[in-house]
Amino acid sequence: MQISVQIENGNQNIFNALKAILKAQPNLNFHIEKNTGKGSYRLSKADEADFKETLRLLEKGELEFVSADEMRARTDKGVAKIKAKYA
């Protein structure tokens, strides 16, 4: 059986008590992941490098931002071209 517990706004005392209870069970395998508030998402090394490059380009003013409406229009235009080509 697998059980998952999420505790929000917990403090160190709750963490220590939970860990002590789990350690008292000799045949129990457990894993505790403590989120320190830095976010629960972890980027891979490759994604982190891509993110840093994107930030660098943003800071240099080399990125072009497009509104959602413009992106939708570009996408519709591209799809129409593909449909026409293979119709």
C-alpha atoms as a PDB file:
ATOM      1  CA  MET A   1       0.000   0.000   0.000  1.00  0.00           C
ATOM      2  CA  GLN A   2       1.202   3.502  -0.785  1.00  0.00           C
ATOM      3  CA  ILE A   3       0.008   6.597   1.066  1.00  0.00           C
ATOM      4  CA  SER A   4       0.736  10.195   0.110  1.00  0.00           C
ATOM      5  CA  VAL A   5       0.361  13.091   2.540  1.00  0.00           C
ATOM      6  CA  GLN A   6       0.663  16.784   1.780  1.00  0.00           C
ATOM      7  CA  ILE A   7       0.971  19.206   4.680  1.00  0.00           C
ATOM      8  CA  GLU A   8       0.773  22.907   3.899  1.00  0.00           C
ATOM      9  CA  ASN A   9       1.988  25.606   6.270  1.00  0.00           C
ATOM     10  CA  GLY A  10       3.642  23.002   8.492  1.00  0.00           C
ATOM     11  CA  ASN A  11       6.530  23.820  10.771  1.00  0.00           C
ATOM     12  CA  GLN A  12       9.668  21.970  11.851  1.00  0.00           C
ATOM     13  CA  ASN A  13       7.882  20.418  14.862  1.00  0.00           C
ATOM     14  CA  ILE A  14       5.320  18.726  12.613  1.00  0.00           C
ATOM     15  CA  PHE A  15       8.085  17.476  10.358  1.00  0.00           C
ATOM     16  CA  ASN A  16      10.078  16.082  13.305  1.00  0.00           C
ATOM     17  CA  ALA A  17       7.013  14.395  14.848  1.00  0.00           C
ATOM     18  CA  LEU A  18       6.039  12.748  11.568  1.00  0.00           C
ATOM     19  CA  LYS A  19       9.573  11.530  11.000  1.00  0.00           C
ATOM     20  CA  ALA A  20       9.763  10.100  14.556  1.00  0.00           C
ATOM     21  CA  ILE A  21       6.490   8.209  14.121  1.00  0.00           C
ATOM     22  CA  LEU A  22       7.610   6.722  10.820  1.00  0.00           C
ATOM     23  CA  LYS A  23      11.025   5.723  12.180  1.00  0.00           C
ATOM     24  CA  ALA A  24       9.299   3.841  15.016  1.00  0.00           C
ATOM     25  CA  GLN A  25       7.952   1.343  12.461  1.00  0.00           C
ATOM     26  CA  PRO A  26      10.896  -0.983  11.691  1.00  0.00           C
ATOM     27  CA  ASN A  27       9.367  -2.621   8.588  1.00  0.00           C
ATOM     28  CA  LEU A  28       8.139   0.600   7.039  1.00  0.00           C
ATOM     29  CA  ASN A  29       9.861   2.092   4.007  1.00  0.00           C
ATOM     30  CA  PHE A  30       9.235   5.822   3.731  1.00  0.00           C
ATOM     31  CA  HIS A  31      10.440   8.906   1.953  1.00  0.00           C
ATOM     32  CA  ILE A  32       9.869  12.465   3.137  1.00  0.00           C
ATOM     33  CA  GLU A  33      10.397  15.351   0.771  1.00  0.00           C
ATOM     34  CA  LYS A  34      10.447  18.681   2.520  1.00  0.00           C
ATOM     35  CA  ASN A  35       9.531  21.689   0.387  1.00  0.00           C
ATOM     36  CA  THR A  36      11.269  24.748   1.799  1.00  0.00           C
ATOM     37  CA  GLY A  37       9.091  27.213  -0.083  1.00  0.00           C
ATOM     38  CA  LYS A  38      11.462  27.599  -3.003  1.00  0.00           C
ATOM     39  CA  GLY A  39       8.898  25.923  -5.264  1.00  0.00           C
ATOM     40  CA  SER A  40       8.118  22.337  -5.970  1.00  0.00           C
ATOM     41  CA  TYR A  41       9.217  22.380  -9.605  1.00  0.00           C
ATOM     42  CA  ARG A  42      12.721  21.286 -10.493  1.00  0.00           C
ATOM     43  CA  LEU A  43      14.215  22.076 -13.864  1.00  0.00           C
ATOM     44  CA  SER A  44      16.507  19.652 -15.611  1.00  0.00           C
ATOM     45  CA  LYS A  45      20.015  20.923 -16.364  1.00  0.00           C
ATOM     46  CA  ALA A  46      19.056  21.373 -20.032  1.00  0.00           C
ATOM     47  CA  ASP A  47      15.871  23.292 -19.159  1.00  0.00           C
ATOM     48  CA  GLU A  48      17.785  25.442 -16.697  1.00  0.00           C
ATOM     49  CA  ALA A  49      20.321  26.299 -19.410  1.00  0.00           C
ATOM     50  CA  ASP A  50      17.492  27.153 -21.837  1.00  0.00           C
ATOM     51  CA  PHE A  51      15.848  29.352 -19.207  1.00  0.00           C
ATOM     52  CA  LYS A  52      19.100  31.206 -18.522  1.00  0.00           C
ATOM     53  CA  GLU A  53      19.591  31.770 -22.259  1.00  0.00           C
ATOM     54  CA  THR A  54      16.028  33.092 -22.563  1.00  0.00           C
ATOM     55  CA  LEU A  55      16.629  35.495 -19.670  1.00  0.00           C
ATOM     56  CA  ARG A  56      19.878  36.646 -21.276  1.00  0.00           C
ATOM     57  CA  LEU A  57      18.073  37.360 -24.554  1.00  0.00           C
ATOM     58  CA  LEU A  58      15.277  39.153 -22.702  1.00  0.00           C
ATOM     59  CA  GLU A  59      17.751  41.382 -20.871  1.00  0.00           C
ATOM     60  CA  LYS A  60      19.461  42.246 -24.174  1.00  0.00           C
ATOM     61  CA  GLY A  61      16.093  43.089 -25.786  1.00  0.00           C
ATOM     62  CA  GLU A  62      16.491  40.383 -28.423  1.00  0.00           C
ATOM     63  CA  LEU A  63      13.152  38.643 -27.827  1.00  0.00           C
ATOM     64  CA  GLU A  64      10.018  39.391 -29.807  1.00  0.00           C
ATOM     65  CA  PHE A  65       6.797  39.148 -27.813  1.00  0.00           C
ATOM     66  CA  VAL A  66       3.599  38.348 -29.680  1.00  0.00           C
ATOM     67  CA  SER A  67       0.047  38.757 -28.371  1.00  0.00           C
ATOM     68  CA  ALA A  68      -2.188  35.702 -28.066  1.00  0.00           C
ATOM     69  CA  ASP A  69      -4.432  37.026 -30.849  1.00  0.00           C
ATOM     70  CA  GLU A  70      -1.482  37.496 -33.192  1.00  0.00           C
ATOM     71  CA  MET A  71      -0.142  34.028 -32.360  1.00  0.00           C
ATOM     72  CA  ARG A  72      -3.585  32.531 -33.056  1.00  0.00           C
ATOM     73  CA  ALA A  73      -3.746  34.359 -36.396  1.00  0.00           C
ATOM     74  CA  ARG A  74      -0.251  33.132 -37.366  1.00  0.00           C
ATOM     75  CA  THR A  75      -1.163  29.579 -36.374  1.00  0.00           C
ATOM     76  CA  ASP A  76      -4.436  29.667 -38.333  1.00  0.00           C
ATOM     77  CA  LYS A  77      -2.570  30.995 -41.370  1.00  0.00           C
ATOM     78  CA  GLY A  78       0.050  28.228 -41.106  1.00  0.00           C
ATOM     79  CA  VAL A  79      -2.592  25.520 -40.717  1.00  0.00           C
ATOM     80  CA  ALA A  80      -4.478  26.899 -43.729  1.00  0.00           C
ATOM     81  CA  LYS A  81      -1.289  26.662 -45.831  1.00  0.00           C
ATOM     82  CA  ILE A  82      -0.735  23.056 -44.792  1.00  0.00           C
ATOM     83  CA  LYS A  83      -4.371  22.149 -45.519  1.00  0.00           C
ATOM     84  CA  ALA A  84      -4.146  23.788 -48.950  1.00  0.00           C
ATOM     85  CA  LYS A  85      -0.922  21.964 -49.735  1.00  0.00           C
ATOM     86  CA  TYR A  86      -2.308  18.515 -48.886  1.00  0.00           C
ATOM     87  CA  ALA A  87      -5.948  19.019 -49.933  1.00  0.00           C
END
